[in-house]
Amino acid sequence: MVSVGLMVMVFFGIGPVIASRNEILIDLLDNIIPPSALLAIRKIASIGTFSVFLFIGWSMILPATDAWRYGERSLELGIPIWVLWSIAFIGLLGTVIISIFTISKRKKDITKVGKNS
């Protein structure tokens, strides 16, 4: 049961952090480079986030299809593993959608960029 809870927390917990922009920030460059450069760095980081989550989803496909094909079950609860994979894919889909929104977010206030917003 702990593994199921951990999976739900990981795949459904990352999206709200990305959406609210509450990632861990190291503001070494905020006072050195102009806000437009910080905005560009933020866009590059958003594209990197999207790419990483897309890669994670792509690398999850083969093990999920194997779990479906061979009918694997979890040892603790006897739940079919494909059910767990489907929950993980739903959470990951939400995270990918949120990361797309962060890429396409328009710059509303460029003065907020350097203030850890």
Protein backbone atom coordinates (compact mmCIF):
# COMPACT_ATOMS: atom_id res chain seq x y z
CA MET A 1 0.00 0.00 0.00
CA VAL A 2 2.92 2.33 0.65
CA SER A 3 4.17 1.88 -2.92
CA VAL A 4 0.76 2.84 -4.31
CA GLY A 5 0.62 5.94 -2.10
CA LEU A 6 4.14 6.92 -3.08
CA MET A 7 3.34 6.55 -6.77
CA VAL A 8 0.22 8.70 -6.43
CA MET A 9 2.11 11.37 -4.48
CA VAL A 10 4.93 11.53 -7.03
CA PHE A 11 2.90 11.55 -10.23
CA PHE A 12 0.08 13.74 -8.94
CA GLY A 13 2.22 15.99 -6.74
CA ILE A 14 4.70 17.33 -9.27
CA GLY A 15 2.07 19.05 -11.44
CA PRO A 16 0.77 21.48 -8.78
CA VAL A 17 4.34 22.46 -7.89
CA ILE A 18 5.07 23.30 -11.53
CA ALA A 19 1.75 25.12 -11.97
CA SER A 20 2.27 27.33 -8.92
CA ARG A 21 5.95 27.96 -9.82
CA ASN A 22 7.08 26.76 -6.37
CA GLU A 23 10.14 24.90 -7.55
CA ILE A 24 13.35 25.31 -5.58
CA LEU A 25 14.99 28.44 -6.95
CA ILE A 26 18.60 29.48 -6.68
CA ASP A 27 18.66 33.18 -7.41
CA LEU A 28 22.34 33.69 -8.11
CA LEU A 29 21.73 35.35 -11.47
CA ASP A 30 18.68 37.45 -10.58
CA ASN A 31 20.69 40.55 -9.69
CA ILE A 32 23.31 40.13 -12.41
CA ILE A 33 21.47 39.61 -15.69
CA PRO A 34 18.54 41.63 -17.07
CA PRO A 35 14.93 40.49 -16.60
CA SER A 36 14.55 39.63 -20.28
CA ALA A 37 17.44 37.16 -20.00
CA LEU A 38 15.87 35.69 -16.85
CA LEU A 39 12.63 35.27 -18.77
CA ALA A 40 14.52 33.44 -21.53
CA ILE A 41 16.17 31.16 -18.97
CA ARG A 42 12.75 30.44 -17.45
CA LYS A 43 11.36 29.51 -20.88
CA ILE A 44 14.34 27.23 -21.54
CA ALA A 45 13.79 25.58 -18.15
CA SER A 46 10.09 25.09 -18.95
CA ILE A 47 10.96 23.45 -22.26
CA GLY A 48 13.48 21.23 -20.45
CA THR A 49 10.83 20.24 -17.90
CA PHE A 50 8.42 19.33 -20.67
CA SER A 51 11.11 17.31 -22.46
CA VAL A 52 12.08 15.37 -19.34
CA PHE A 53 8.48 14.45 -18.53
CA LEU A 54 7.88 13.45 -22.12
CA PHE A 55 10.94 11.20 -21.99
CA ILE A 56 9.79 9.67 -18.69
CA GLY A 57 6.40 8.92 -20.26
CA TRP A 58 8.01 7.41 -23.33
CA SER A 59 10.26 5.19 -21.21
CA MET A 60 7.24 4.01 -19.18
CA ILE A 61 5.38 2.62 -22.20
CA LEU A 62 7.30 -0.65 -22.64
CA PRO A 63 7.15 -1.78 -18.98
CA ALA A 64 3.45 -0.86 -18.85
CA THR A 65 2.65 -2.89 -21.95
CA ASP A 66 4.65 -5.81 -20.56
CA ALA A 67 2.64 -5.65 -17.34
CA TRP A 68 -0.57 -5.69 -19.38
CA ARG A 69 0.60 -8.47 -21.70
CA TYR A 70 1.88 -10.84 -19.02
CA GLY A 71 -0.72 -10.08 -16.33
CA GLU A 72 1.72 -9.18 -13.58
CA ARG A 73 0.33 -8.56 -10.10
CA SER A 74 1.77 -6.67 -7.15
CA LEU A 75 3.16 -8.92 -4.46
CA GLU A 76 1.66 -7.09 -1.48
CA LEU A 77 -1.93 -6.52 -2.58
CA GLY A 78 -2.37 -8.69 -5.65
CA ILE A 79 -3.47 -5.67 -7.70
CA PRO A 80 -2.75 -5.95 -11.44
CA ILE A 81 0.33 -3.88 -12.20
CA TRP A 82 -1.31 -2.35 -15.26
CA VAL A 83 -3.74 -0.56 -12.93
CA LEU A 84 -0.80 1.09 -11.20
CA TRP A 85 0.76 1.99 -14.54
CA SER A 86 -2.50 3.56 -15.71
CA ILE A 87 -2.66 5.70 -12.55
CA ALA A 88 0.94 6.77 -13.17
CA PHE A 89 0.16 7.66 -16.80
CA ILE A 90 -2.85 9.76 -15.77
CA GLY A 91 -0.72 11.71 -13.28
CA LEU A 92 2.07 12.11 -15.79
CA LEU A 93 -0.38 13.33 -18.44
CA GLY A 94 -1.53 16.06 -16.06
CA THR A 95 2.05 17.06 -15.39
CA VAL A 96 2.85 17.21 -19.13
CA ILE A 97 -0.24 19.37 -19.75
CA ILE A 98 0.77 21.73 -16.95
CA SER A 99 4.30 21.97 -18.33
CA ILE A 100 2.85 22.88 -21.75
CA PHE A 101 0.93 25.71 -20.09
CA THR A 102 4.08 26.99 -18.41
CA ILE A 103 5.86 27.08 -21.77
CA SER A 104 3.03 28.96 -23.44
CA LYS A 105 2.52 31.38 -20.53
CA ARG A 106 2.77 34.95 -21.71
CA LYS A 107 4.97 37.41 -19.92
CA LYS A 108 2.46 39.37 -17.90
CA ASP A 109 4.83 41.39 -15.78
CA ILE A 110 8.51 41.29 -16.65
CA THR A 111 9.39 43.07 -13.41
CA LYS A 112 8.23 40.01 -11.43
CA VAL A 113 10.73 37.73 -13.16
CA GLY A 114 13.67 38.80 -11.03
CA LYS A 115 11.72 38.62 -7.78
CA ASN A 116 11.35 34.82 -7.41
CA SER A 117 7.77 34.83 -8.66
